[in-house]
Amino acid sequence: MDLNRAKNYTIIFLIFLNIFLFFCSHFFGEDYKLKRENKEALISVLSRNDVYLKCSIPEYSKPMRVLYFENSDTDLITIQNIFFDKNENIKRTEEFEKTIVTSGLKTITLYGSDIYFKSLEKDANFVLKKENAIEKCSGYMEKINLLYPNMFLDNIKILDNKIIVRYCLESDGYKLFDSHVFFHIYDDGTFEMELSYYKNKKGNEYKADICSSDEALFVFLDEIRKIYDSERINIEAVDLGYFSGYTYSQSADTSPSVPHYRILSDITEEPFYINAYNMTVSR
């Protein structure tokens, strides 16, 4: 075999090898993977601004579709049975679009697909610890999951005088931030709960590109420093999921939910949501 023919075979082999590697990379999503040097640059910029990453971050930013959800049906009697005993004296009132049910120091407020519960009953023996807060939530979550299934423990945030325990839904590996249960457990044993549950409908088939997690964190850095200009900040959790951006309507048949990064830090009680399509911020 002469030298020219060998060179031609080598070139052809390299062409096919590159094509194969390209399709493998695309198929396995490597072209959407966060590069190590980008993550290192992110950590460096954050630390120079006294912001520290204390968690893992989403490594892949594959194109995502828009999902749609609709309000779920809420049965008042079933909700009452979750929070009230059957022999309790219950009072019900209507206030504009809200239904309010009270019994002693406990109150349920229903507004569309949103349910709020508050218990002002104090417990002198309650000790504010992570395991005690989870135990307090678990009894209610067993009943809630019978009505609104597949809620899972998402996040626990420990503050000075309370612990926030978050549950949410998941679809195709992404968290659905709009469908959630939040418990605020206080150090005196009182607590509040917020429940929102939406039935997810099929989303668009078309998938659009999203920003990467490091880009979202740069946006977070800019926003958080507008509020807290000098305090040390620890980033506790970064998740990629779906969020309505507070655009849903209680009266709408369906509402869009788009990809968002949710960022939790130790300096704020509520998360930041970064729209993964256009990098806008919701709080």
Protein backbone atom coordinates (compact mmCIF):
# COMPACT_ATOMS: atom_id res chain seq x y z
CA MET A 1 0.00 0.00 0.00
CA ASP A 2 1.54 3.35 -1.00
CA LEU A 3 1.80 6.33 1.33
CA ASN A 4 -0.96 8.40 -0.35
CA ARG A 5 -3.51 5.59 -0.07
CA ALA A 6 -2.63 5.11 3.61
CA LYS A 7 -3.14 8.82 4.22
CA ASN A 8 -6.54 8.69 2.50
CA TYR A 9 -7.67 5.75 4.63
CA THR A 10 -6.50 7.59 7.76
CA ILE A 11 -8.42 10.74 6.81
CA ILE A 12 -11.57 8.75 6.07
CA PHE A 13 -11.23 6.91 9.39
CA LEU A 14 -10.83 10.18 11.29
CA ILE A 15 -13.88 11.68 9.56
CA PHE A 16 -16.06 8.72 10.54
CA LEU A 17 -14.59 8.75 14.05
CA ASN A 18 -15.47 12.42 14.50
CA ILE A 19 -18.99 11.84 13.20
CA PHE A 20 -19.40 8.93 15.61
CA LEU A 21 -18.08 10.94 18.56
CA PHE A 22 -20.35 13.87 17.65
CA PHE A 23 -23.48 11.71 17.67
CA CYS A 24 -22.39 9.97 20.88
CA SER A 25 -21.81 13.33 22.52
CA HIS A 26 -25.19 14.64 21.36
CA PHE A 27 -27.03 11.44 22.27
CA PHE A 28 -25.61 11.31 25.78
CA GLY A 29 -26.01 15.07 26.25
CA GLU A 30 -22.31 15.84 26.65
CA ASP A 31 -22.67 18.99 24.53
CA TYR A 32 -25.07 20.30 27.20
CA LYS A 33 -22.81 19.43 30.11
CA LEU A 34 -21.32 22.16 32.27
CA LYS A 35 -17.59 22.34 31.59
CA ARG A 36 -15.22 21.97 34.52
CA GLU A 37 -13.45 25.24 33.74
CA ASN A 38 -16.81 27.06 33.72
CA LYS A 39 -17.69 25.67 37.14
CA GLU A 40 -14.26 26.59 38.50
CA ALA A 41 -14.65 30.13 37.13
CA LEU A 42 -18.10 30.37 38.75
CA ILE A 43 -16.79 29.29 42.16
CA SER A 44 -13.93 31.78 41.86
CA VAL A 45 -16.22 34.72 41.01
CA LEU A 46 -18.69 33.77 43.77
CA SER A 47 -15.96 33.50 46.42
CA ARG A 48 -14.47 36.86 45.43
CA ASN A 49 -17.91 38.29 46.20
CA ASP A 50 -18.12 36.43 49.54
CA VAL A 51 -20.72 33.98 48.18
CA TYR A 52 -20.02 30.27 48.62
CA LEU A 53 -21.46 27.23 46.88
CA LYS A 54 -22.33 24.61 49.53
CA CYS A 55 -24.19 22.19 47.26
CA SER A 56 -24.09 20.45 43.92
CA ILE A 57 -25.53 22.22 40.88
CA PRO A 58 -27.27 20.85 37.78
CA GLU A 59 -24.58 19.60 35.40
CA TYR A 60 -26.74 19.42 32.27
CA SER A 61 -28.82 22.08 30.55
CA LYS A 62 -30.61 20.13 27.85
CA PRO A 63 -33.42 21.85 25.89
CA MET A 64 -36.75 21.78 27.74
CA ARG A 65 -40.40 22.21 26.75
CA VAL A 66 -43.13 24.32 28.30
CA LEU A 67 -45.59 22.38 30.49
CA TYR A 68 -49.19 23.27 31.18
CA PHE A 69 -51.17 22.59 34.32
CA GLU A 70 -54.76 23.02 35.39
CA ASN A 71 -56.32 23.66 38.76
CA SER A 72 -57.12 20.55 40.78
CA ASP A 73 -60.48 19.87 42.37
CA THR A 74 -60.62 20.59 46.09
CA ASP A 75 -63.09 18.72 48.26
CA LEU A 76 -63.72 20.74 51.41
CA ILE A 77 -64.91 17.83 53.55
CA THR A 78 -61.82 15.78 52.70
CA ILE A 79 -59.57 18.74 53.53
CA GLN A 80 -61.33 19.23 56.85
CA ASN A 81 -60.76 15.57 57.73
CA ILE A 82 -57.01 16.03 57.25
CA PHE A 83 -56.71 18.83 59.79
CA PHE A 84 -59.76 18.58 62.04
CA ASP A 85 -61.19 15.80 64.19
CA LYS A 86 -64.73 14.77 63.32
CA ASN A 87 -66.10 15.86 66.70
CA GLU A 88 -64.68 19.39 66.53
CA ASN A 89 -66.98 22.40 66.40
CA ILE A 90 -66.38 23.79 62.91
CA LYS A 91 -67.39 27.21 61.61
CA ARG A 92 -67.43 27.98 57.89
CA THR A 93 -67.52 31.42 56.24
CA GLU A 94 -67.23 32.72 52.67
CA GLU A 95 -65.07 35.76 51.92
CA PHE A 96 -65.02 36.83 48.28
CA GLU A 97 -63.36 33.89 46.46
CA LYS A 98 -62.09 32.31 49.68
CA THR A 99 -63.64 29.70 51.93
CA ILE A 100 -62.54 29.90 55.57
CA VAL A 101 -63.07 27.07 58.04
CA THR A 102 -62.17 27.50 61.71
CA SER A 103 -62.17 25.34 64.81
CA GLY A 104 -60.73 26.82 67.98
CA LEU A 105 -57.16 27.95 67.24
CA LYS A 106 -57.00 26.19 63.84
CA THR A 107 -57.95 27.72 60.50
CA ILE A 108 -58.20 26.39 56.93
CA THR A 109 -58.39 28.85 54.04
CA LEU A 110 -59.25 27.60 50.55
CA TYR A 111 -58.58 29.75 47.50
CA GLY A 112 -58.86 27.94 44.17
CA SER A 113 -56.26 25.18 44.16
CA ASP A 114 -54.42 26.69 47.12
CA ILE A 115 -54.99 25.53 50.68
CA TYR A 116 -53.64 27.30 53.76
CA PHE A 117 -53.73 25.90 57.28
CA LYS A 118 -52.69 27.58 60.53
CA SER A 119 -52.55 26.07 64.00
CA LEU A 120 -51.95 28.42 66.92
CA GLU A 121 -52.10 25.58 69.44
CA LYS A 122 -48.85 25.72 71.41
CA ASP A 123 -46.97 22.67 72.64
CA ALA A 124 -44.85 23.29 75.74
CA ASN A 125 -43.01 19.98 75.22
CA PHE A 126 -42.06 20.65 71.59
CA VAL A 127 -38.35 21.03 70.85
CA LEU A 128 -37.46 22.69 67.56
CA LYS A 129 -35.21 20.13 65.87
CA LYS A 130 -35.08 18.77 62.35
CA GLU A 131 -36.33 15.29 63.29
CA ASN A 132 -39.19 16.71 65.38
CA ALA A 133 -40.28 18.99 62.54
CA ILE A 134 -40.29 16.11 60.05
CA GLU A 135 -42.27 13.95 62.48
CA LYS A 136 -44.84 16.72 62.91
CA CYS A 137 -45.23 17.03 59.12
CA SER A 138 -45.28 13.29 58.40
CA GLY A 139 -48.63 12.66 60.06
CA TYR A 140 -50.29 15.27 57.87
CA MET A 141 -48.41 14.22 54.73
CA GLU A 142 -49.70 10.64 55.03
CA LYS A 143 -53.25 12.01 54.70
CA ILE A 144 -52.34 14.64 52.10
CA ASN A 145 -50.69 12.05 49.83
CA LEU A 146 -53.92 10.06 49.78
CA LEU A 147 -55.62 13.07 48.20
CA TYR A 148 -52.67 14.57 46.33
CA PRO A 149 -50.30 11.64 45.64
CA ASN A 150 -46.55 11.48 44.99
CA MET A 151 -45.46 14.47 47.05
CA PHE A 152 -41.91 13.85 48.30
CA LEU A 153 -39.63 15.56 50.82
CA ASP A 154 -37.79 18.23 48.87
CA ASN A 155 -35.92 20.55 51.21
CA ILE A 156 -35.50 21.48 54.88
CA LYS A 157 -34.44 24.96 55.95
CA ILE A 158 -33.48 25.59 59.58
CA LEU A 159 -33.87 29.13 60.91
CA ASP A 160 -33.51 30.62 64.40
CA ASN A 161 -37.15 30.35 65.48
CA LYS A 162 -38.63 27.94 62.93
CA ILE A 163 -37.96 25.16 60.44
CA ILE A 164 -39.37 25.17 56.91
CA VAL A 165 -40.10 21.73 55.47
CA ARG A 166 -40.84 21.61 51.74
CA TYR A 167 -42.48 18.83 49.72
CA CYS A 168 -43.12 18.89 45.97
CA LEU A 169 -43.95 16.83 42.88
CA GLU A 170 -41.60 15.60 40.17
CA SER A 171 -42.11 14.81 36.48
CA ASP A 172 -39.54 13.24 34.15
CA GLY A 173 -36.77 13.98 36.63
CA TYR A 174 -37.68 17.66 37.06
CA LYS A 175 -39.24 19.18 40.16
CA LEU A 176 -42.61 20.89 39.76
CA PHE A 177 -42.23 23.86 42.08
CA ASP A 178 -45.85 25.03 41.75
CA SER A 179 -47.23 21.78 43.20
CA HIS A 180 -45.93 21.80 46.74
CA VAL A 181 -46.57 21.61 50.46
CA PHE A 182 -44.69 24.02 52.73
CA PHE A 183 -44.71 23.64 56.51
CA HIS A 184 -43.46 26.43 58.78
CA ILE A 185 -42.86 24.81 62.17
CA TYR A 186 -42.25 27.30 65.01
CA ASP A 187 -40.34 26.81 68.24
CA ASP A 188 -43.53 26.97 70.38
CA GLY A 189 -45.15 24.08 68.48
CA THR A 190 -47.47 26.24 66.36
CA PHE A 191 -47.24 25.86 62.59
CA GLU A 192 -48.53 27.01 59.21
CA MET A 193 -48.95 25.04 56.02
CA GLU A 194 -49.39 26.02 52.37
CA LEU A 195 -50.55 23.44 49.82
CA SER A 196 -50.82 23.94 46.06
CA TYR A 197 -51.52 21.07 43.70
CA TYR A 198 -51.97 21.30 39.94
CA LYS A 199 -52.80 18.57 37.47
CA ASN A 200 -50.13 18.57 34.80
CA LYS A 201 -51.19 18.34 31.20
CA LYS A 202 -49.03 17.39 28.25
CA GLY A 203 -46.52 20.08 27.33
CA ASN A 204 -45.37 21.32 23.95
CA GLU A 205 -43.35 18.86 21.90
CA TYR A 206 -40.97 21.63 20.90
CA LYS A 207 -37.98 22.02 23.22
CA ALA A 208 -36.06 25.27 23.48
CA ASP A 209 -32.52 25.85 24.69
CA ILE A 210 -32.05 26.87 28.32
CA CYS A 211 -29.25 28.65 30.10
CA SER A 212 -26.76 26.66 32.15
CA SER A 213 -26.68 26.59 35.93
CA ASP A 214 -23.55 28.73 36.13
CA GLU A 215 -25.26 31.45 34.08
CA ALA A 216 -28.25 31.33 36.45
CA LEU A 217 -25.93 31.67 39.46
CA PHE A 218 -24.23 34.71 37.97
CA VAL A 219 -27.70 36.29 37.67
CA PHE A 220 -28.41 35.31 41.29
CA LEU A 221 -25.13 36.89 42.40
CA ASP A 222 -26.05 40.16 40.72
CA GLU A 223 -29.55 40.17 42.23
CA ILE A 224 -28.59 39.14 45.76
CA ARG A 225 -25.88 41.78 45.99
CA LYS A 226 -28.47 44.45 45.17
CA ILE A 227 -30.21 43.44 48.41
CA TYR A 228 -27.32 42.36 50.64
CA ASP A 229 -24.24 44.25 49.56
CA SER A 230 -21.66 42.92 52.02
CA GLU A 231 -22.92 39.90 54.02
CA ARG A 232 -21.42 36.46 53.60
CA ILE A 233 -23.86 34.22 51.71
CA ASN A 234 -23.98 30.43 51.42
CA ILE A 235 -25.87 28.88 48.53
CA GLU A 236 -27.63 25.84 50.01
CA ALA A 237 -29.45 24.29 47.03
CA VAL A 238 -29.75 24.75 43.26
CA ASP A 239 -32.44 22.79 41.40
CA LEU A 240 -33.76 22.79 37.85
CA GLY A 241 -37.50 22.35 37.47
CA TYR A 242 -40.75 23.97 36.38
CA PHE A 243 -42.31 27.12 37.78
CA SER A 244 -45.13 29.39 36.65
CA GLY A 245 -43.30 32.56 37.62
CA TYR A 246 -46.40 33.57 39.62
CA THR A 247 -48.31 34.09 36.36
CA TYR A 248 -51.02 31.49 36.93
CA SER A 249 -54.62 32.46 37.46
CA GLN A 250 -57.09 30.79 39.78
CA SER A 251 -59.77 31.19 37.10
CA ALA A 252 -57.74 30.03 34.09
CA ASP A 253 -58.32 26.55 32.67
CA THR A 254 -54.61 26.02 32.06
CA SER A 255 -51.46 27.98 32.85
CA PRO A 256 -47.93 27.62 31.47
CA SER A 257 -45.05 26.45 33.61
CA VAL A 258 -41.56 27.04 32.20
CA PRO A 259 -38.08 25.83 33.18
CA HIS A 260 -36.59 27.67 36.16
CA TYR A 261 -33.58 27.30 38.39
CA ARG A 262 -34.52 27.51 42.06
CA ILE A 263 -31.76 28.86 44.29
CA LEU A 264 -31.89 28.63 48.09
CA SER A 265 -29.45 30.53 50.29
CA ASP A 266 -28.92 30.92 54.01
CA ILE A 267 -29.60 34.65 53.94
CA THR A 268 -33.14 34.57 52.51
CA GLU A 269 -36.15 32.58 53.65
CA GLU A 270 -37.76 32.40 50.20
CA PRO A 271 -35.98 31.04 47.12
CA PHE A 272 -34.94 32.89 43.99
CA TYR A 273 -36.34 31.54 40.72
CA ILE A 274 -34.30 32.20 37.56
CA ASN A 275 -36.16 31.68 34.28
CA ALA A 276 -33.99 29.23 32.32
CA TYR A 277 -35.18 30.65 28.98
CA ASN A 278 -34.62 34.39 29.44
CA MET A 279 -32.78 34.72 32.82
CA THR A 280 -35.48 36.85 34.44
CA VAL A 281 -35.84 36.63 38.23
CA SER A 282 -38.90 35.85 40.37
CA ARG A 283 -39.05 35.81 44.16
